[in-house]
């Protein structure tokens, strides 16, 4: 009959052997080491300054902190951008009589938001989904009365005449995504 070895009663105690040095992530007794991290929600009143002694920050910085900061996947970013551009195209048709210049100006902030809100892993999709959304939103603005064929001809004409806005928005989204990607890579190298 085979006998199995049993563990010593204490994980760090061995008979006749010197104690081992603590390993990374382990405490001196062999258990997990506890690290103290500052908890941002549990800041006590001792760390906070009184309201009268607090320096007022710039209002713009406070306003930026209050803006939503969602993180969209590549598909979610594409759907967000396409849906917003379609709604802006419909609003442009109703309010401004299908002004392509207004549509192009409204396209730029949507490009910026899409590039800022796409999560880190999907940054390369930002310059891809933006031109697709431009075409989706251009459909209600495109000239052409009658059937679908006339509307498609108006869509291609709008794409050709508004290529400056299309390239500009794509360039803005690409630059923002590139800067975010470089910052992410630098942060990974440091950590």
N, C-alpha and C. Protein backbone atom coordinates (compact mmCIF):
# COMPACT_ATOMS: atom_id res chain seq x y z
N UNK A 1 0.84 -1.16 0.00
CA UNK A 1 0.00 0.00 0.00
C UNK A 1 0.89 1.23 0.00
N UNK A 2 0.50 2.21 -0.82
CA UNK A 2 1.30 3.43 -0.99
C UNK A 2 0.83 4.50 -0.02
N UNK A 3 1.81 5.18 0.59
CA UNK A 3 1.47 6.26 1.52
C UNK A 3 1.74 7.60 0.85
N UNK A 4 0.81 8.51 0.95
CA UNK A 4 0.95 9.84 0.37
C UNK A 4 1.50 10.79 1.40
N UNK A 5 2.32 11.72 0.89
CA UNK A 5 2.86 12.74 1.79
C UNK A 5 1.77 13.76 2.10
N UNK A 6 1.82 14.27 3.27
CA UNK A 6 0.87 15.33 3.64
C UNK A 6 1.63 16.63 3.78
N UNK A 7 0.93 17.70 3.62
CA UNK A 7 1.54 19.02 3.76
C UNK A 7 1.83 19.31 5.21
N UNK A 8 2.86 20.10 5.46
CA UNK A 8 3.10 20.52 6.85
C UNK A 8 1.95 21.40 7.32
N UNK A 9 1.75 21.50 8.63
CA UNK A 9 0.62 22.26 9.13
C UNK A 9 0.66 23.74 8.74
N UNK A 10 1.85 24.33 8.62
CA UNK A 10 1.95 25.72 8.22
C UNK A 10 2.68 25.77 6.90
N UNK A 11 2.19 26.56 5.94
CA UNK A 11 2.78 26.54 4.60
C UNK A 11 4.25 26.96 4.57
N UNK A 12 4.68 27.83 5.47
CA UNK A 12 6.06 28.31 5.42
C UNK A 12 7.01 27.47 6.26
N UNK A 13 6.49 26.59 7.08
CA UNK A 13 7.36 25.84 7.99
C UNK A 13 7.79 24.52 7.37
N UNK A 14 9.08 24.28 7.29
CA UNK A 14 9.63 23.00 6.83
C UNK A 14 10.60 22.52 7.89
N UNK A 15 10.61 21.25 8.04
CA UNK A 15 11.48 20.68 9.07
C UNK A 15 12.92 20.66 8.58
N UNK A 16 13.78 21.30 9.32
CA UNK A 16 15.21 21.22 9.04
C UNK A 16 15.68 22.08 7.88
N UNK A 17 14.84 22.86 7.26
CA UNK A 17 15.25 23.68 6.13
C UNK A 17 15.13 25.15 6.52
N UNK A 18 16.04 25.98 5.99
CA UNK A 18 15.93 27.40 6.30
C UNK A 18 14.69 27.99 5.62
N UNK A 19 14.14 29.05 6.19
CA UNK A 19 12.94 29.64 5.57
C UNK A 19 13.28 30.23 4.20
N UNK A 20 12.33 30.11 3.31
CA UNK A 20 12.49 30.65 1.95
C UNK A 20 12.21 32.14 1.95
N UNK A 21 12.86 32.89 1.05
CA UNK A 21 12.55 34.32 0.96
C UNK A 21 11.15 34.52 0.39
N UNK A 22 10.50 35.61 0.77
CA UNK A 22 9.16 35.85 0.24
C UNK A 22 9.19 36.07 -1.27
N UNK A 23 8.20 35.53 -1.95
CA UNK A 23 8.10 35.67 -3.39
C UNK A 23 7.31 36.92 -3.73
N UNK A 24 7.38 37.28 -4.99
CA UNK A 24 6.63 38.45 -5.44
C UNK A 24 5.15 38.18 -5.26
N UNK A 25 4.48 39.12 -4.67
CA UNK A 25 3.04 38.98 -4.46
C UNK A 25 2.71 38.18 -3.22
N UNK A 26 3.72 37.71 -2.47
CA UNK A 26 3.48 36.93 -1.26
C UNK A 26 3.96 37.72 -0.05
N UNK A 27 3.25 37.55 1.02
CA UNK A 27 3.65 38.19 2.27
C UNK A 27 4.72 37.37 2.96
N UNK A 28 5.22 37.80 4.09
CA UNK A 28 6.28 37.09 4.77
C UNK A 28 5.85 35.73 5.31
N UNK A 29 4.56 35.51 5.57
CA UNK A 29 4.09 34.24 6.10
C UNK A 29 3.57 33.31 5.01
N UNK A 30 3.80 33.65 3.75
CA UNK A 30 3.37 32.79 2.65
C UNK A 30 2.02 33.16 2.09
N UNK A 31 1.28 34.00 2.78
CA UNK A 31 -0.03 34.42 2.29
C UNK A 31 0.12 35.52 1.26
N UNK A 32 -0.97 35.91 0.68
CA UNK A 32 -0.94 36.96 -0.32
C UNK A 32 -0.61 38.29 0.35
N UNK A 33 0.27 39.05 -0.29
CA UNK A 33 0.66 40.35 0.25
C UNK A 33 -0.45 41.34 0.03
N UNK A 34 -0.65 42.18 1.00
CA UNK A 34 -1.67 43.21 0.86
C UNK A 34 -1.00 44.51 0.49
N UNK A 35 -1.53 45.11 -0.52
CA UNK A 35 -1.02 46.41 -0.92
C UNK A 35 -2.08 47.44 -0.58
N UNK A 36 -1.64 48.57 -0.17
CA UNK A 36 -2.59 49.62 0.15
C UNK A 36 -2.65 50.58 -1.03
N UNK A 37 -3.81 50.64 -1.59
CA UNK A 37 -4.05 51.55 -2.71
C UNK A 37 -5.02 52.62 -2.25
N UNK A 38 -4.81 53.82 -2.70
CA UNK A 38 -5.77 54.86 -2.31
C UNK A 38 -7.09 54.63 -3.01
N UNK A 39 -8.13 54.66 -2.26
CA UNK A 39 -9.47 54.47 -2.78
C UNK A 39 -10.06 55.84 -3.08
N UNK A 40 -10.37 56.13 -4.36
CA UNK A 40 -10.87 57.47 -4.68
C UNK A 40 -12.23 57.77 -4.06
N UNK A 41 -13.06 56.73 -3.82
CA UNK A 41 -14.36 56.99 -3.23
C UNK A 41 -14.27 57.17 -1.72
N UNK A 42 -13.24 56.61 -1.10
CA UNK A 42 -13.14 56.63 0.35
C UNK A 42 -12.22 57.74 0.85
N UNK A 43 -12.13 58.79 0.13
CA UNK A 43 -11.30 59.91 0.60
C UNK A 43 -11.98 60.53 1.81
N UNK A 44 -11.21 60.64 2.82
CA UNK A 44 -11.74 61.21 4.05
C UNK A 44 -11.80 62.72 3.98
N UNK A 45 -12.40 63.28 4.99
CA UNK A 45 -12.50 64.73 5.02
C UNK A 45 -11.15 65.36 5.32
N UNK A 46 -10.21 64.55 5.84
CA UNK A 46 -8.89 65.11 6.14
C UNK A 46 -8.13 65.43 4.86
N UNK A 47 -8.39 64.69 3.78
CA UNK A 47 -7.70 64.93 2.54
C UNK A 47 -8.33 66.05 1.73
N UNK A 48 -9.58 66.30 1.94
CA UNK A 48 -10.27 67.34 1.16
C UNK A 48 -10.02 68.70 1.77
N UNK A 49 -9.91 69.65 0.91
CA UNK A 49 -9.78 71.03 1.38
C UNK A 49 -11.16 71.58 1.67
N UNK A 50 -11.23 72.50 2.59
CA UNK A 50 -12.53 73.15 2.80
C UNK A 50 -12.95 73.91 1.54
N UNK A 51 -14.23 74.11 1.39
CA UNK A 51 -14.76 74.75 0.18
C UNK A 51 -14.20 76.14 -0.02
N UNK A 52 -13.94 76.86 1.05
CA UNK A 52 -13.43 78.23 0.91
C UNK A 52 -11.98 78.23 0.47
N UNK A 53 -11.19 77.20 0.87
CA UNK A 53 -9.77 77.18 0.53
C UNK A 53 -9.50 76.52 -0.81
N UNK A 54 -10.49 75.88 -1.40
CA UNK A 54 -10.30 75.20 -2.67
C UNK A 54 -10.11 76.21 -3.79
N UNK A 55 -9.15 75.93 -4.64
CA UNK A 55 -8.93 76.81 -5.79
C UNK A 55 -9.95 76.47 -6.87
N UNK A 56 -10.62 77.46 -7.40
CA UNK A 56 -11.56 77.14 -8.48
C UNK A 56 -10.80 76.80 -9.75
N UNK A 57 -11.15 75.66 -10.35
CA UNK A 57 -10.51 75.24 -11.59
C UNK A 57 -11.14 75.94 -12.77
N UNK A 58 -10.52 75.83 -13.90
CA UNK A 58 -11.13 76.43 -15.10
C UNK A 58 -12.48 75.79 -15.38
N UNK A 59 -13.41 76.61 -15.76
CA UNK A 59 -14.76 76.11 -16.02
C UNK A 59 -14.78 75.15 -17.20
N UNK A 60 -13.92 75.39 -18.18
CA UNK A 60 -13.89 74.49 -19.34
C UNK A 60 -13.43 73.10 -18.94
N UNK A 61 -12.43 73.00 -18.07
CA UNK A 61 -11.95 71.69 -17.63
C UNK A 61 -13.02 70.96 -16.84
N UNK A 62 -13.77 71.68 -16.02
CA UNK A 62 -14.84 71.05 -15.27
C UNK A 62 -15.96 70.60 -16.20
N UNK A 63 -16.23 71.37 -17.22
CA UNK A 63 -17.27 70.99 -18.18
C UNK A 63 -16.86 69.75 -18.95
N UNK A 64 -15.59 69.64 -19.30
CA UNK A 64 -15.11 68.46 -20.04
C UNK A 64 -15.21 67.22 -19.17
N UNK A 65 -14.94 67.35 -17.88
CA UNK A 65 -15.01 66.20 -16.98
C UNK A 65 -16.44 65.70 -16.84
N UNK A 66 -17.42 66.57 -17.04
CA UNK A 66 -18.80 66.18 -16.87
C UNK A 66 -19.39 65.57 -18.13
N UNK A 67 -18.69 65.64 -19.26
CA UNK A 67 -19.20 65.05 -20.49
C UNK A 67 -19.19 63.54 -20.40
N UNK A 68 -20.08 62.87 -21.11
CA UNK A 68 -20.05 61.41 -21.09
C UNK A 68 -18.78 60.90 -21.76
N UNK A 69 -18.30 59.78 -21.29
CA UNK A 69 -17.08 59.19 -21.83
C UNK A 69 -17.31 57.71 -22.10
N UNK A 70 -18.20 57.38 -23.05
CA UNK A 70 -18.44 55.97 -23.33
C UNK A 70 -17.28 55.35 -24.08
N UNK A 71 -17.19 54.05 -24.04
CA UNK A 71 -16.19 53.31 -24.81
C UNK A 71 -16.94 52.37 -25.74
N UNK A 72 -16.84 52.65 -27.03
CA UNK A 72 -17.56 51.89 -28.03
C UNK A 72 -16.64 50.88 -28.70
N UNK A 73 -17.18 49.74 -29.06
CA UNK A 73 -16.42 48.79 -29.86
C UNK A 73 -16.34 49.32 -31.28
N UNK A 74 -15.62 48.65 -32.14
CA UNK A 74 -15.52 49.08 -33.52
C UNK A 74 -16.89 49.08 -34.20
N UNK A 75 -17.65 48.01 -33.99
CA UNK A 75 -19.00 47.93 -34.56
C UNK A 75 -19.92 48.97 -33.94
N UNK A 76 -19.82 49.12 -32.62
CA UNK A 76 -20.65 50.12 -31.94
C UNK A 76 -20.32 51.52 -32.38
N UNK A 77 -19.02 51.81 -32.60
CA UNK A 77 -18.63 53.12 -33.10
C UNK A 77 -19.17 53.38 -34.49
N UNK A 78 -19.14 52.35 -35.33
CA UNK A 78 -19.70 52.49 -36.67
C UNK A 78 -21.19 52.71 -36.66
N UNK A 79 -21.89 51.97 -35.80
CA UNK A 79 -23.34 52.15 -35.71
C UNK A 79 -23.69 53.51 -35.13
N UNK A 80 -22.94 53.94 -34.12
CA UNK A 80 -23.17 55.26 -33.54
C UNK A 80 -22.99 56.34 -34.60
N UNK A 81 -21.87 56.29 -35.30
CA UNK A 81 -21.56 57.32 -36.29
C UNK A 81 -22.59 57.32 -37.43
N UNK A 82 -22.95 56.14 -37.90
CA UNK A 82 -23.91 56.06 -39.01
C UNK A 82 -25.29 56.55 -38.57
N UNK A 83 -25.71 56.17 -37.36
CA UNK A 83 -27.04 56.60 -36.89
C UNK A 83 -27.09 58.11 -36.68
N UNK A 84 -26.03 58.67 -36.08
CA UNK A 84 -26.01 60.11 -35.85
C UNK A 84 -25.98 60.86 -37.18
N UNK A 85 -25.18 60.40 -38.13
CA UNK A 85 -25.10 61.08 -39.42
C UNK A 85 -26.42 60.97 -40.19
N UNK A 86 -27.10 59.83 -40.08
CA UNK A 86 -28.40 59.70 -40.74
C UNK A 86 -29.41 60.67 -40.12
N UNK A 87 -29.41 60.76 -38.78
CA UNK A 87 -30.32 61.70 -38.12
C UNK A 87 -29.97 63.15 -38.46
N UNK A 88 -28.68 63.46 -38.52
CA UNK A 88 -28.28 64.81 -38.90
C UNK A 88 -28.64 65.11 -40.35
N UNK A 89 -28.53 64.10 -41.21
CA UNK A 89 -28.94 64.28 -42.60
C UNK A 89 -30.43 64.55 -42.72
N UNK A 90 -31.24 63.82 -41.94
CA UNK A 90 -32.69 64.07 -41.95
C UNK A 90 -33.01 65.45 -41.40
N UNK A 91 -32.31 65.84 -40.32
CA UNK A 91 -32.54 67.17 -39.75
C UNK A 91 -32.10 68.26 -40.72
N UNK A 92 -31.00 68.03 -41.43
CA UNK A 92 -30.54 69.00 -42.43
C UNK A 92 -31.56 69.13 -43.56
N UNK A 93 -32.14 68.03 -43.96
CA UNK A 93 -33.17 68.05 -45.01
C UNK A 93 -34.38 68.86 -44.56
N UNK A 94 -34.79 68.66 -43.31
CA UNK A 94 -35.98 69.36 -42.82
C UNK A 94 -35.73 70.83 -42.51
N UNK A 95 -34.59 71.13 -41.87
CA UNK A 95 -34.35 72.49 -41.39
C UNK A 95 -33.67 73.40 -42.41
N UNK A 96 -32.73 72.87 -43.15
CA UNK A 96 -31.92 73.71 -44.04
C UNK A 96 -32.13 73.41 -45.52
N UNK A 97 -33.07 72.57 -45.85
CA UNK A 97 -33.35 72.29 -47.25
C UNK A 97 -32.22 71.52 -47.93
N UNK A 98 -31.64 70.56 -47.26
CA UNK A 98 -30.59 69.69 -47.80
C UNK A 98 -29.33 70.47 -48.17
N UNK A 99 -28.84 71.29 -47.26
CA UNK A 99 -27.60 72.03 -47.49
C UNK A 99 -26.41 71.09 -47.25
N UNK A 100 -25.64 70.85 -48.29
CA UNK A 100 -24.49 69.95 -48.17
C UNK A 100 -23.38 70.57 -47.33
N UNK A 101 -23.28 71.89 -47.31
CA UNK A 101 -22.26 72.54 -46.49
C UNK A 101 -22.57 72.36 -45.00
N UNK A 102 -23.83 72.51 -44.62
CA UNK A 102 -24.22 72.29 -43.22
C UNK A 102 -23.96 70.83 -42.85
N UNK A 103 -24.28 69.94 -43.75
CA UNK A 103 -24.05 68.52 -43.49
C UNK A 103 -22.56 68.24 -43.29
N UNK A 104 -21.71 68.84 -44.10
CA UNK A 104 -20.27 68.64 -43.96
C UNK A 104 -19.73 69.21 -42.66
N UNK A 105 -20.24 70.38 -42.26
CA UNK A 105 -19.80 70.98 -41.00
C UNK A 105 -20.24 70.11 -39.82
N UNK A 106 -21.44 69.55 -39.87
CA UNK A 106 -21.92 68.68 -38.80
C UNK A 106 -21.18 67.35 -38.77
N UNK A 107 -20.58 66.98 -39.87
CA UNK A 107 -19.84 65.72 -39.96
C UNK A 107 -18.57 65.75 -39.11
N UNK A 108 -17.91 66.90 -39.03
CA UNK A 108 -16.62 66.98 -38.33
C UNK A 108 -16.72 66.67 -36.83
N UNK A 109 -17.68 67.26 -36.07
CA UNK A 109 -17.75 66.88 -34.65
C UNK A 109 -18.11 65.42 -34.43
N UNK A 110 -18.90 64.85 -35.33
CA UNK A 110 -19.24 63.43 -35.20
C UNK A 110 -17.98 62.58 -35.38
N UNK A 111 -17.10 62.99 -36.30
CA UNK A 111 -15.83 62.28 -36.49
C UNK A 111 -14.97 62.35 -35.24
N UNK A 112 -14.92 63.52 -34.63
CA UNK A 112 -14.11 63.70 -33.42
C UNK A 112 -14.66 62.82 -32.29
N UNK A 113 -15.97 62.86 -32.08
CA UNK A 113 -16.57 62.06 -31.01
C UNK A 113 -16.39 60.57 -31.26
N UNK A 114 -16.54 60.15 -32.48
CA UNK A 114 -16.36 58.73 -32.79
C UNK A 114 -14.93 58.30 -32.50
N UNK A 115 -13.95 59.09 -32.91
CA UNK A 115 -12.55 58.74 -32.68
C UNK A 115 -12.20 58.78 -31.19
N UNK A 116 -12.83 59.66 -30.43
CA UNK A 116 -12.55 59.73 -28.99
C UNK A 116 -13.24 58.63 -28.20
N UNK A 117 -14.41 58.19 -28.65
CA UNK A 117 -15.19 57.25 -27.87
C UNK A 117 -14.93 55.79 -28.22
N UNK A 118 -14.23 55.51 -29.29
CA UNK A 118 -13.93 54.12 -29.61
C UNK A 118 -12.88 53.61 -28.63
N UNK A 119 -13.08 52.40 -28.15
CA UNK A 119 -12.17 51.86 -27.14
C UNK A 119 -10.79 51.61 -27.72
N UNK A 120 -9.83 51.42 -26.83
CA UNK A 120 -8.42 51.35 -27.23
C UNK A 120 -8.13 50.21 -28.21
N UNK A 121 -8.75 49.09 -28.02
CA UNK A 121 -8.47 47.94 -28.88
C UNK A 121 -8.99 48.09 -30.29
N UNK A 122 -9.95 48.98 -30.50
CA UNK A 122 -10.57 49.14 -31.81
C UNK A 122 -10.25 50.48 -32.45
N UNK A 123 -9.16 51.09 -32.06
CA UNK A 123 -8.84 52.43 -32.56
C UNK A 123 -8.67 52.48 -34.08
N UNK A 124 -8.20 51.41 -34.66
CA UNK A 124 -7.95 51.42 -36.10
C UNK A 124 -9.24 51.43 -36.92
N UNK A 125 -10.37 51.17 -36.29
CA UNK A 125 -11.63 51.18 -37.04
C UNK A 125 -12.20 52.58 -37.21
N UNK A 126 -11.74 53.54 -36.42
CA UNK A 126 -12.31 54.89 -36.48
C UNK A 126 -12.21 55.51 -37.87
N UNK A 127 -11.02 55.50 -38.53
CA UNK A 127 -10.99 56.10 -39.86
C UNK A 127 -11.70 55.27 -40.93
N UNK A 128 -12.11 54.06 -40.59
CA UNK A 128 -12.82 53.22 -41.56
C UNK A 128 -14.32 53.47 -41.51
N UNK A 129 -14.87 53.59 -40.29
CA UNK A 129 -16.33 53.72 -40.16
C UNK A 129 -16.83 55.12 -40.47
N UNK A 130 -15.96 56.11 -40.35
CA UNK A 130 -16.38 57.50 -40.56
C UNK A 130 -16.82 57.76 -42.01
N UNK A 131 -16.06 57.35 -43.04
CA UNK A 131 -16.56 57.58 -44.40
C UNK A 131 -17.82 56.81 -44.74
N UNK A 132 -17.97 55.62 -44.16
CA UNK A 132 -19.19 54.85 -44.39
C UNK A 132 -20.39 55.60 -43.80
N UNK A 133 -20.21 56.15 -42.61
CA UNK A 133 -21.29 56.91 -41.98
C UNK A 133 -21.61 58.18 -42.77
N UNK A 134 -20.58 58.79 -43.37
CA UNK A 134 -20.82 59.98 -44.20
C UNK A 134 -21.76 59.63 -45.35
N UNK A 135 -21.51 58.48 -45.98
CA UNK A 135 -22.36 58.07 -47.10
C UNK A 135 -23.77 57.70 -46.63
N UNK A 136 -23.88 57.07 -45.47
CA UNK A 136 -25.20 56.71 -44.94
C UNK A 136 -26.01 57.97 -44.65
N UNK A 137 -25.38 58.96 -44.03
CA UNK A 137 -26.08 60.19 -43.70
C UNK A 137 -26.36 61.07 -44.89
N UNK A 138 -25.59 60.89 -45.95
CA UNK A 138 -25.78 61.70 -47.15
C UNK A 138 -27.01 61.26 -47.94
N UNK A 139 -27.49 60.05 -47.69
CA UNK A 139 -28.62 59.53 -48.46
C UNK A 139 -29.86 60.40 -48.34
N UNK A 140 -30.29 60.86 -47.14
CA UNK A 140 -31.47 61.74 -47.12
C UNK A 140 -31.21 63.14 -47.66
N UNK A 141 -29.96 63.57 -47.70
CA UNK A 141 -29.62 64.91 -48.15
C UNK A 141 -29.42 64.96 -49.67
N UNK A 142 -29.12 63.82 -50.26
CA UNK A 142 -28.77 63.78 -51.68
C UNK A 142 -29.93 64.26 -52.54
N UNK A 143 -29.56 64.98 -53.59
CA UNK A 143 -30.57 65.47 -54.53
C UNK A 143 -31.07 64.31 -55.37
N UNK A 144 -32.26 64.42 -55.79
CA UNK A 144 -32.83 63.39 -56.64
C UNK A 144 -34.26 63.13 -56.23
N UNK A 145 -35.13 63.35 -57.14
CA UNK A 145 -36.53 63.10 -56.86
C UNK A 145 -36.96 61.91 -57.71
N UNK A 146 -37.92 61.23 -57.25
CA UNK A 146 -38.38 60.08 -58.01
C UNK A 146 -37.94 58.79 -57.35
N UNK A 147 -37.38 57.91 -58.16
CA UNK A 147 -37.07 56.57 -57.68
C UNK A 147 -35.71 56.45 -57.00
N UNK A 148 -35.39 55.23 -56.73
CA UNK A 148 -34.14 54.90 -56.05
C UNK A 148 -32.94 55.21 -56.93
N UNK A 149 -33.06 55.01 -58.22
CA UNK A 149 -31.95 55.29 -59.14
C UNK A 149 -31.54 56.75 -59.11
N UNK A 150 -32.52 57.64 -59.15
CA UNK A 150 -32.21 59.07 -59.08
C UNK A 150 -31.57 59.44 -57.75
N UNK A 151 -32.04 58.81 -56.66
CA UNK A 151 -31.47 59.08 -55.35
C UNK A 151 -30.02 58.60 -55.28
N UNK A 152 -29.72 57.46 -55.86
CA UNK A 152 -28.33 56.95 -55.87
C UNK A 152 -27.41 57.83 -56.70
N UNK A 153 -27.92 58.34 -57.82
CA UNK A 153 -27.11 59.27 -58.62
C UNK A 153 -26.84 60.53 -57.82
N UNK A 154 -27.84 61.03 -57.09
CA UNK A 154 -27.63 62.18 -56.23
C UNK A 154 -26.65 61.89 -55.10
N UNK A 155 -26.67 60.65 -54.60
CA UNK A 155 -25.73 60.25 -53.55
C UNK A 155 -24.30 60.27 -54.07
N UNK A 156 -24.07 59.69 -55.24
CA UNK A 156 -22.72 59.68 -55.81
C UNK A 156 -22.25 61.09 -56.18
N UNK A 157 -23.19 61.91 -56.64
CA UNK A 157 -22.84 63.30 -56.93
C UNK A 157 -22.47 64.04 -55.64
N UNK A 158 -23.23 63.80 -54.59
CA UNK A 158 -22.91 64.42 -53.30
C UNK A 158 -21.57 63.95 -52.76
N UNK A 159 -21.26 62.67 -52.91
CA UNK A 159 -19.95 62.17 -52.48
C UNK A 159 -18.82 62.82 -53.26
N UNK A 160 -19.04 63.05 -54.55
CA UNK A 160 -17.99 63.65 -55.38
C UNK A 160 -17.81 65.13 -55.06
N UNK A 161 -18.92 65.83 -54.85
CA UNK A 161 -18.79 67.27 -54.61
C UNK A 161 -18.41 67.60 -53.18
N UNK A 162 -18.68 66.72 -52.25
CA UNK A 162 -18.37 66.96 -50.84
C UNK A 162 -17.18 66.13 -50.36
N UNK A 163 -16.29 65.80 -51.28
CA UNK A 163 -15.13 64.99 -50.92
C UNK A 163 -14.21 65.70 -49.94
N UNK A 164 -14.17 67.01 -49.96
CA UNK A 164 -13.33 67.76 -49.02
C UNK A 164 -13.75 67.51 -47.58
N UNK A 165 -15.06 67.58 -47.32
CA UNK A 165 -15.56 67.30 -45.97
C UNK A 165 -15.30 65.85 -45.59
N UNK A 166 -15.50 64.96 -46.55
CA UNK A 166 -15.28 63.53 -46.30
C UNK A 166 -13.83 63.25 -45.94
N UNK A 167 -12.90 63.78 -46.73
CA UNK A 167 -11.48 63.56 -46.46
C UNK A 167 -11.05 64.27 -45.17
N UNK A 168 -11.58 65.46 -44.95
CA UNK A 168 -11.23 66.20 -43.73
C UNK A 168 -11.66 65.47 -42.48
N UNK A 169 -12.89 64.98 -42.46
CA UNK A 169 -13.38 64.24 -41.30
C UNK A 169 -12.64 62.94 -41.08
N UNK A 170 -12.33 62.25 -42.18
CA UNK A 170 -11.56 61.01 -42.07
C UNK A 170 -10.16 61.29 -41.56
N UNK A 171 -9.56 62.38 -42.02
CA UNK A 171 -8.23 62.76 -41.54
C UNK A 171 -8.26 63.10 -40.05
N UNK A 172 -9.27 63.83 -39.61
CA UNK A 172 -9.39 64.18 -38.19
C UNK A 172 -9.53 62.91 -37.35
N UNK A 173 -10.40 62.01 -37.77
CA UNK A 173 -10.59 60.76 -37.02
C UNK A 173 -9.31 59.93 -37.02
N UNK A 174 -8.62 59.88 -38.15
CA UNK A 174 -7.36 59.13 -38.21
C UNK A 174 -6.29 59.73 -37.33
N UNK A 175 -6.19 61.05 -37.29
CA UNK A 175 -5.18 61.70 -36.43
C UNK A 175 -5.47 61.45 -34.95
N UNK A 176 -6.72 61.59 -34.57
CA UNK A 176 -7.07 61.35 -33.17
C UNK A 176 -6.80 59.90 -32.79
N UNK A 177 -7.18 58.97 -33.65
CA UNK A 177 -6.93 57.55 -33.37
C UNK A 177 -5.44 57.26 -33.30
N UNK A 178 -4.65 57.88 -34.16
CA UNK A 178 -3.20 57.66 -34.15
C UNK A 178 -2.57 58.20 -32.88
N UNK A 179 -2.98 59.39 -32.48
CA UNK A 179 -2.43 59.97 -31.24
C UNK A 179 -2.81 59.12 -30.04
N UNK A 180 -4.05 58.66 -30.00
CA UNK A 180 -4.46 57.80 -28.89
C UNK A 180 -3.69 56.49 -28.89
N UNK A 181 -3.43 55.94 -30.07
CA UNK A 181 -2.68 54.68 -30.17
C UNK A 181 -1.23 54.87 -29.72
N UNK A 182 -0.61 55.98 -30.10
CA UNK A 182 0.77 56.25 -29.68
C UNK A 182 0.83 56.41 -28.16
N UNK A 183 -0.11 57.14 -27.59
CA UNK A 183 -0.14 57.31 -26.14
C UNK A 183 -0.33 55.97 -25.44
N UNK A 184 -1.16 55.11 -26.00
CA UNK A 184 -1.39 53.79 -25.42
C UNK A 184 -0.12 52.95 -25.45
N UNK A 185 0.59 52.97 -26.57
CA UNK A 185 1.84 52.20 -26.68
C UNK A 185 2.89 52.73 -25.73
N UNK A 186 3.00 54.04 -25.58
CA UNK A 186 3.97 54.61 -24.64
C UNK A 186 3.64 54.23 -23.20
N UNK A 187 2.36 54.24 -22.89
CA UNK A 187 1.93 53.88 -21.54
C UNK A 187 2.25 52.41 -21.26
N UNK A 188 2.08 51.54 -22.26
CA UNK A 188 2.41 50.12 -22.09
C UNK A 188 3.89 49.92 -21.91
N UNK A 189 4.72 50.67 -22.62
CA UNK A 189 6.18 50.53 -22.47
C UNK A 189 6.63 50.96 -21.08
N UNK A 190 6.03 52.01 -20.54
CA UNK A 190 6.41 52.47 -19.20
C UNK A 190 6.00 51.47 -18.14
N UNK A 191 4.81 50.89 -18.30
CA UNK A 191 4.28 49.97 -17.29
C UNK A 191 4.79 48.62 -17.54
